[in-house]
Amino acid sequence: MKVKHYRIIIISLIILVFIFGFGIINTIVSLKYETNFDNECVSTISGDNLCNSLRNIKYLFYIDLIAIFILLLLQGKIIKKTDSD
């Protein structure tokens, strides 16, 4: 993989960390203000199951962090060294 492509992937994954983090905060706020009871997960406004949404976004957040860590850890093996880089 070329250095240019590697950097684009890393930057994209870092941007996704912020997007997923915002999604987690947004869903937690929705759980607080869009449900009638503390242990209820279904939004009264949209009808979505917010607990499932929160769980899925957390999974994506963790997978993204693991992917960044693996790419940074294996950087030397992933990037091909060429004269034009």
C-alpha atoms as a PDB file:
ATOM      1  CA  MET A   1       0.000   0.000   0.000  1.00  0.00           C
ATOM      2  CA  LYS A   2       1.262   3.467  -0.797  1.00  0.00           C
ATOM      3  CA  VAL A   3       1.859   6.008   1.954  1.00  0.00           C
ATOM      4  CA  LYS A   4      -0.801   8.299   0.477  1.00  0.00           C
ATOM      5  CA  HIS A   5      -3.486   5.610   0.675  1.00  0.00           C
ATOM      6  CA  TYR A   6      -2.398   4.605   4.165  1.00  0.00           C
ATOM      7  CA  ARG A   7      -2.696   8.195   5.417  1.00  0.00           C
ATOM      8  CA  ILE A   8      -6.138   8.592   3.843  1.00  0.00           C
ATOM      9  CA  ILE A   9      -7.344   5.441   5.609  1.00  0.00           C
ATOM     10  CA  ILE A  10      -5.918   6.537   8.974  1.00  0.00           C
ATOM     11  CA  ILE A  11      -7.418  10.035   8.674  1.00  0.00           C
ATOM     12  CA  SER A  12     -10.789   8.574   7.674  1.00  0.00           C
ATOM     13  CA  LEU A  13     -10.771   6.230  10.666  1.00  0.00           C
ATOM     14  CA  ILE A  14      -9.861   9.078  13.018  1.00  0.00           C
ATOM     15  CA  ILE A  15     -12.738  11.166  11.649  1.00  0.00           C
ATOM     16  CA  LEU A  16     -15.048   8.194  12.217  1.00  0.00           C
ATOM     17  CA  VAL A  17     -13.973   8.052  15.875  1.00  0.00           C
ATOM     18  CA  PHE A  18     -15.339  11.570  16.345  1.00  0.00           C
ATOM     19  CA  ILE A  19     -18.534  10.797  14.416  1.00  0.00           C
ATOM     20  CA  PHE A  20     -19.190   7.646  16.472  1.00  0.00           C
ATOM     21  CA  GLY A  21     -18.374   9.530  19.685  1.00  0.00           C
ATOM     22  CA  PHE A  22     -20.915  12.195  18.766  1.00  0.00           C
ATOM     23  CA  GLY A  23     -23.437   9.454  17.957  1.00  0.00           C
ATOM     24  CA  ILE A  24     -22.916   7.887  21.384  1.00  0.00           C
ATOM     25  CA  ILE A  25     -23.456  11.221  23.147  1.00  0.00           C
ATOM     26  CA  ASN A  26     -26.482  11.988  20.981  1.00  0.00           C
ATOM     27  CA  THR A  27     -28.072   8.613  21.728  1.00  0.00           C
ATOM     28  CA  ILE A  28     -27.450   8.970  25.468  1.00  0.00           C
ATOM     29  CA  VAL A  29     -29.162  12.383  25.407  1.00  0.00           C
ATOM     30  CA  SER A  30     -32.050  10.857  23.469  1.00  0.00           C
ATOM     31  CA  LEU A  31     -32.323   8.095  26.079  1.00  0.00           C
ATOM     32  CA  LYS A  32     -32.608  10.733  28.778  1.00  0.00           C
ATOM     33  CA  TYR A  33     -35.123  13.062  27.151  1.00  0.00           C
ATOM     34  CA  GLU A  34     -37.106  10.947  24.663  1.00  0.00           C
ATOM     35  CA  THR A  35     -38.182   8.126  26.979  1.00  0.00           C
ATOM     36  CA  ASN A  36     -40.818   8.199  29.686  1.00  0.00           C
ATOM     37  CA  PHE A  37     -39.131   6.005  32.287  1.00  0.00           C
ATOM     38  CA  ASP A  38     -35.534   5.344  33.346  1.00  0.00           C
ATOM     39  CA  ASN A  39     -35.450   1.715  32.193  1.00  0.00           C
ATOM     40  CA  GLU A  40     -37.334   2.275  28.934  1.00  0.00           C
ATOM     41  CA  CYS A  41     -35.407   2.117  25.665  1.00  0.00           C
ATOM     42  CA  VAL A  42     -38.018   2.985  23.034  1.00  0.00           C
ATOM     43  CA  SER A  43     -38.112   6.624  21.971  1.00  0.00           C
ATOM     44  CA  THR A  44     -41.503   8.282  22.237  1.00  0.00           C
ATOM     45  CA  ILE A  45     -40.630  10.577  19.309  1.00  0.00           C
ATOM     46  CA  SER A  46     -39.157   8.235  16.693  1.00  0.00           C
ATOM     47  CA  GLY A  47     -40.144   4.815  18.055  1.00  0.00           C
ATOM     48  CA  ASP A  48     -36.562   3.553  17.700  1.00  0.00           C
ATOM     49  CA  ASN A  49     -34.987   1.236  20.244  1.00  0.00           C
ATOM     50  CA  LEU A  50     -32.279   3.540  21.579  1.00  0.00           C
ATOM     51  CA  CYS A  51     -30.562   0.847  23.660  1.00  0.00           C
ATOM     52  CA  ASN A  52     -29.876  -1.210  20.536  1.00  0.00           C
ATOM     53  CA  SER A  53     -28.686   1.878  18.690  1.00  0.00           C
ATOM     54  CA  LEU A  54     -26.337   2.781  21.534  1.00  0.00           C
ATOM     55  CA  ARG A  55     -24.941  -0.749  21.682  1.00  0.00           C
ATOM     56  CA  ASN A  56     -24.342  -0.837  17.916  1.00  0.00           C
ATOM     57  CA  ILE A  57     -22.632   2.567  17.863  1.00  0.00           C
ATOM     58  CA  LYS A  58     -20.382   1.503  20.748  1.00  0.00           C
ATOM     59  CA  TYR A  59     -19.397  -1.640  18.815  1.00  0.00           C
ATOM     60  CA  LEU A  60     -18.534   0.455  15.754  1.00  0.00           C
ATOM     61  CA  PHE A  61     -16.543   2.867  17.931  1.00  0.00           C
ATOM     62  CA  TYR A  62     -14.491   0.041  19.453  1.00  0.00           C
ATOM     63  CA  ILE A  63     -13.921  -1.661  16.087  1.00  0.00           C
ATOM     64  CA  ASP A  64     -12.733   1.658  14.669  1.00  0.00           C
ATOM     65  CA  LEU A  65     -10.276   2.171  17.534  1.00  0.00           C
ATOM     66  CA  ILE A  66      -8.955  -1.374  17.136  1.00  0.00           C
ATOM     67  CA  ALA A  67      -8.523  -0.857  13.373  1.00  0.00           C
ATOM     68  CA  ILE A  68      -6.555   2.351  13.966  1.00  0.00           C
ATOM     69  CA  PHE A  69      -4.368   0.641  16.548  1.00  0.00           C
ATOM     70  CA  ILE A  70      -3.664  -2.339  14.258  1.00  0.00           C
ATOM     71  CA  LEU A  71      -2.874  -0.100  11.276  1.00  0.00           C
ATOM     72  CA  LEU A  72      -0.502   2.012  13.345  1.00  0.00           C
ATOM     73  CA  LEU A  73       1.098  -1.061  14.893  1.00  0.00           C
ATOM     74  CA  LEU A  74       1.687  -2.769  11.535  1.00  0.00           C
ATOM     75  CA  GLN A  75       2.576   0.395   9.629  1.00  0.00           C
ATOM     76  CA  GLY A  76       6.002  -0.849   8.562  1.00  0.00           C
ATOM     77  CA  LYS A  77       4.610  -4.079   7.113  1.00  0.00           C
ATOM     78  CA  ILE A  78       1.639  -2.470   5.367  1.00  0.00           C
ATOM     79  CA  ILE A  79       3.387   0.369   3.554  1.00  0.00           C
ATOM     80  CA  LYS A  80       5.482  -0.577   0.541  1.00  0.00           C
ATOM     81  CA  LYS A  81       8.749   1.275   0.294  1.00  0.00           C
ATOM     82  CA  THR A  82       9.258   2.656  -3.223  1.00  0.00           C
ATOM     83  CA  ASP A  83      11.511   5.307  -4.702  1.00  0.00           C
ATOM     84  CA  SER A  84       8.586   7.568  -5.656  1.00  0.00           C
ATOM     85  CA  ASP A  85       7.231   7.797  -2.055  1.00  0.00           C
END
